[in-house]
Amino acid sequence: MNDYKATVLEGLMSKAQTDRLESKTSLSILLDFPAGIGDHSTSDLHNNLNEALSSLADAEDRIETLKRNYPNHFPTTPNQNPPF
């Protein structure tokens, strides 16, 4: 049963990290490459920025929650975050 727990926890962490990277990529595109927005209106831009920010906050909360509640499975080490 321990293998199941480890596999599930790794899957949850992997999904949260992937969501984090996707959100950061969306924010980067919206903030750094305005031509990538196309014909969006200002309200579309703000809605997309808020959606990406909410997704980022949610993913980071899930990552921290997993680390806090399963410290034996996710030991904290410096520079553990991806470079983005």
N, C-alpha and C. Protein backbone atom coordinates (compact mmCIF):
# COMPACT_ATOMS: atom_id res chain seq x y z
N MET A 1 0.82 -1.20 0.00
CA MET A 1 0.00 0.00 0.00
C MET A 1 0.86 1.27 0.00
N ASN A 2 2.06 1.18 0.52
CA ASN A 2 2.95 2.33 0.54
C ASN A 2 3.31 2.81 -0.86
N ASP A 3 3.48 1.87 -1.80
CA ASP A 3 3.79 2.27 -3.18
C ASP A 3 2.66 3.08 -3.78
N TYR A 4 1.43 2.68 -3.46
CA TYR A 4 0.27 3.42 -3.95
C TYR A 4 0.29 4.86 -3.43
N LYS A 5 0.53 5.02 -2.15
CA LYS A 5 0.56 6.35 -1.54
C LYS A 5 1.64 7.21 -2.19
N ALA A 6 2.82 6.66 -2.35
CA ALA A 6 3.92 7.40 -2.95
C ALA A 6 3.59 7.79 -4.39
N THR A 7 3.00 6.86 -5.13
CA THR A 7 2.66 7.13 -6.51
C THR A 7 1.61 8.23 -6.62
N VAL A 8 0.60 8.17 -5.76
CA VAL A 8 -0.45 9.18 -5.78
C VAL A 8 0.10 10.54 -5.39
N LEU A 9 0.91 10.59 -4.35
CA LEU A 9 1.50 11.87 -3.93
C LEU A 9 2.38 12.45 -5.02
N GLU A 10 3.17 11.62 -5.68
CA GLU A 10 4.02 12.09 -6.78
C GLU A 10 3.16 12.63 -7.93
N GLY A 11 2.05 11.94 -8.20
CA GLY A 11 1.15 12.40 -9.25
C GLY A 11 0.53 13.74 -8.93
N LEU A 12 0.10 13.91 -7.68
CA LEU A 12 -0.47 15.19 -7.25
C LEU A 12 0.56 16.31 -7.36
N MET A 13 1.79 16.03 -6.93
CA MET A 13 2.84 17.05 -7.01
C MET A 13 3.18 17.37 -8.46
N SER A 14 3.27 16.36 -9.28
CA SER A 14 3.59 16.57 -10.69
C SER A 14 2.52 17.42 -11.37
N LYS A 15 1.26 17.13 -11.09
CA LYS A 15 0.16 17.91 -11.67
C LYS A 15 0.22 19.36 -11.20
N ALA A 16 0.46 19.57 -9.92
CA ALA A 16 0.54 20.93 -9.39
C ALA A 16 1.72 21.69 -10.01
N GLN A 17 2.86 21.03 -10.17
CA GLN A 17 4.03 21.68 -10.78
C GLN A 17 3.78 22.00 -12.25
N THR A 18 3.10 21.10 -12.95
CA THR A 18 2.77 21.35 -14.35
C THR A 18 1.81 22.53 -14.46
N ASP A 19 0.80 22.56 -13.61
CA ASP A 19 -0.13 23.69 -13.61
C ASP A 19 0.58 25.00 -13.31
N ARG A 20 1.55 24.94 -12.40
CA ARG A 20 2.34 26.13 -12.06
C ARG A 20 3.10 26.65 -13.28
N LEU A 21 3.77 25.74 -13.99
CA LEU A 21 4.53 26.14 -15.17
C LEU A 21 3.62 26.67 -16.28
N GLU A 22 2.47 26.03 -16.48
CA GLU A 22 1.54 26.51 -17.49
C GLU A 22 1.04 27.92 -17.16
N SER A 23 0.75 28.16 -15.90
CA SER A 23 0.28 29.47 -15.48
C SER A 23 1.35 30.53 -15.66
N LYS A 24 2.58 30.19 -15.30
CA LYS A 24 3.69 31.16 -15.46
C LYS A 24 3.94 31.44 -16.93
N THR A 25 3.78 30.42 -17.77
CA THR A 25 3.95 30.62 -19.21
C THR A 25 2.87 31.54 -19.75
N SER A 26 1.64 31.33 -19.33
CA SER A 26 0.53 32.19 -19.76
C SER A 26 0.78 33.63 -19.34
N LEU A 27 1.18 33.83 -18.08
CA LEU A 27 1.46 35.19 -17.62
C LEU A 27 2.59 35.82 -18.42
N SER A 28 3.62 35.05 -18.70
CA SER A 28 4.75 35.57 -19.47
C SER A 28 4.31 36.00 -20.87
N ILE A 29 3.53 35.17 -21.52
CA ILE A 29 3.05 35.51 -22.87
C ILE A 29 2.19 36.76 -22.82
N LEU A 30 1.27 36.82 -21.86
CA LEU A 30 0.37 37.97 -21.78
C LEU A 30 1.10 39.26 -21.41
N LEU A 31 2.12 39.15 -20.56
CA LEU A 31 2.82 40.35 -20.10
C LEU A 31 3.98 40.76 -21.01
N ASP A 32 4.70 39.77 -21.53
CA ASP A 32 5.93 40.08 -22.27
C ASP A 32 5.78 40.08 -23.79
N PHE A 33 4.74 39.48 -24.30
CA PHE A 33 4.55 39.38 -25.75
C PHE A 33 3.12 39.81 -26.11
N PRO A 34 2.83 41.09 -25.99
CA PRO A 34 1.46 41.55 -26.22
C PRO A 34 0.95 41.22 -27.62
N ALA A 35 1.83 41.05 -28.59
CA ALA A 35 1.37 40.69 -29.93
C ALA A 35 0.72 39.31 -29.93
N GLY A 36 1.06 38.48 -28.95
CA GLY A 36 0.48 37.15 -28.85
C GLY A 36 -0.95 37.15 -28.38
N ILE A 37 -1.44 38.32 -27.98
CA ILE A 37 -2.81 38.41 -27.49
C ILE A 37 -3.80 38.50 -28.64
N GLY A 38 -3.34 38.97 -29.80
CA GLY A 38 -4.22 39.05 -30.96
C GLY A 38 -5.24 40.16 -30.82
N ASP A 39 -6.48 39.85 -31.15
CA ASP A 39 -7.55 40.84 -31.18
C ASP A 39 -8.31 40.95 -29.88
N HIS A 40 -7.72 40.56 -28.79
CA HIS A 40 -8.41 40.62 -27.50
C HIS A 40 -8.61 42.06 -27.05
N SER A 41 -9.72 42.29 -26.42
CA SER A 41 -9.97 43.62 -25.86
C SER A 41 -9.23 43.74 -24.52
N THR A 42 -9.23 44.95 -23.99
CA THR A 42 -8.58 45.18 -22.70
C THR A 42 -9.22 44.33 -21.62
N SER A 43 -10.54 44.21 -21.63
CA SER A 43 -11.19 43.39 -20.61
C SER A 43 -10.81 41.91 -20.77
N ASP A 44 -10.67 41.44 -22.00
CA ASP A 44 -10.21 40.06 -22.21
C ASP A 44 -8.81 39.87 -21.63
N LEU A 45 -7.95 40.85 -21.87
CA LEU A 45 -6.58 40.77 -21.35
C LEU A 45 -6.60 40.68 -19.83
N HIS A 46 -7.36 41.55 -19.18
CA HIS A 46 -7.41 41.54 -17.72
C HIS A 46 -8.01 40.25 -17.19
N ASN A 47 -9.04 39.76 -17.86
CA ASN A 47 -9.63 38.48 -17.44
C ASN A 47 -8.63 37.34 -17.58
N ASN A 48 -7.89 37.33 -18.69
CA ASN A 48 -6.89 36.28 -18.89
C ASN A 48 -5.75 36.38 -17.89
N LEU A 49 -5.33 37.60 -17.58
CA LEU A 49 -4.28 37.79 -16.58
C LEU A 49 -4.75 37.31 -15.20
N ASN A 50 -5.97 37.68 -14.82
CA ASN A 50 -6.50 37.24 -13.53
C ASN A 50 -6.67 35.74 -13.47
N GLU A 51 -7.10 35.13 -14.56
CA GLU A 51 -7.26 33.68 -14.60
C GLU A 51 -5.91 32.98 -14.44
N ALA A 52 -4.88 33.48 -15.14
CA ALA A 52 -3.55 32.88 -15.04
C ALA A 52 -2.99 33.06 -13.63
N LEU A 53 -3.21 34.24 -13.04
CA LEU A 53 -2.72 34.49 -11.69
C LEU A 53 -3.42 33.58 -10.68
N SER A 54 -4.71 33.41 -10.81
CA SER A 54 -5.46 32.52 -9.91
C SER A 54 -4.98 31.08 -10.06
N SER A 55 -4.73 30.67 -11.28
CA SER A 55 -4.21 29.31 -11.52
C SER A 55 -2.84 29.13 -10.89
N LEU A 56 -2.00 30.16 -11.00
CA LEU A 56 -0.66 30.10 -10.41
C LEU A 56 -0.76 29.99 -8.89
N ALA A 57 -1.59 30.84 -8.29
CA ALA A 57 -1.75 30.81 -6.83
C ALA A 57 -2.29 29.46 -6.36
N ASP A 58 -3.24 28.91 -7.09
CA ASP A 58 -3.81 27.62 -6.74
C ASP A 58 -2.74 26.52 -6.81
N ALA A 59 -1.97 26.51 -7.88
CA ALA A 59 -0.92 25.49 -8.03
C ALA A 59 0.13 25.61 -6.93
N GLU A 60 0.56 26.84 -6.63
CA GLU A 60 1.56 27.03 -5.59
C GLU A 60 1.00 26.65 -4.22
N ASP A 61 -0.25 26.92 -3.99
CA ASP A 61 -0.89 26.50 -2.73
C ASP A 61 -0.90 24.98 -2.61
N ARG A 62 -1.22 24.29 -3.71
CA ARG A 62 -1.24 22.82 -3.67
C ARG A 62 0.15 22.26 -3.42
N ILE A 63 1.17 22.86 -4.04
CA ILE A 63 2.55 22.41 -3.84
C ILE A 63 2.93 22.57 -2.37
N GLU A 64 2.68 23.74 -1.80
CA GLU A 64 3.02 23.99 -0.41
C GLU A 64 2.21 23.11 0.55
N THR A 65 0.96 22.87 0.22
CA THR A 65 0.12 22.01 1.05
C THR A 65 0.67 20.58 1.08
N LEU A 66 1.07 20.07 -0.07
CA LEU A 66 1.67 18.73 -0.12
C LEU A 66 2.96 18.67 0.70
N LYS A 67 3.79 19.68 0.55
CA LYS A 67 5.06 19.71 1.30
C LYS A 67 4.82 19.79 2.80
N ARG A 68 3.86 20.61 3.19
CA ARG A 68 3.57 20.82 4.60
C ARG A 68 2.95 19.57 5.25
N ASN A 69 2.07 18.90 4.53
CA ASN A 69 1.36 17.77 5.10
C ASN A 69 2.05 16.43 4.91
N TYR A 70 3.00 16.35 4.00
CA TYR A 70 3.75 15.11 3.76
C TYR A 70 5.24 15.40 3.71
N PRO A 71 5.79 15.95 4.80
CA PRO A 71 7.20 16.35 4.80
C PRO A 71 8.16 15.18 4.61
N ASN A 72 7.77 13.98 5.01
CA ASN A 72 8.65 12.83 4.81
C ASN A 72 8.75 12.44 3.34
N HIS A 73 7.73 12.74 2.60
CA HIS A 73 7.74 12.40 1.18
C HIS A 73 8.32 13.53 0.33
N PHE A 74 8.15 14.77 0.77
CA PHE A 74 8.65 15.94 0.04
C PHE A 74 9.56 16.76 0.95
N PRO A 75 10.78 16.27 1.21
CA PRO A 75 11.68 17.06 2.05
C PRO A 75 12.03 18.38 1.37
N THR A 76 12.15 19.41 2.16
CA THR A 76 12.46 20.72 1.58
C THR A 76 13.97 20.87 1.44
N THR A 77 14.35 21.30 0.26
CA THR A 77 15.75 21.59 -0.03
C THR A 77 15.82 22.91 -0.77
N PRO A 78 16.93 23.64 -0.65
CA PRO A 78 17.05 24.92 -1.36
C PRO A 78 16.99 24.71 -2.87
N ASN A 79 16.47 25.71 -3.59
CA ASN A 79 16.40 25.70 -5.05
C ASN A 79 15.67 24.48 -5.59
N GLN A 80 14.58 24.14 -4.96
CA GLN A 80 13.80 22.99 -5.40
C GLN A 80 12.83 23.37 -6.53
N ASN A 81 12.57 24.67 -6.71
CA ASN A 81 11.63 25.11 -7.72
C ASN A 81 12.27 25.09 -9.10
N PRO A 82 11.44 24.88 -10.16
CA PRO A 82 11.94 24.95 -11.52
C PRO A 82 12.46 26.36 -11.83
N PRO A 83 13.26 26.53 -12.86
CA PRO A 83 13.90 27.83 -13.14
C PRO A 83 12.95 28.90 -13.66
N PHE A 84 11.67 28.62 -13.85
CA PHE A 84 10.74 29.61 -14.40
C PHE A 84 10.08 30.40 -13.31
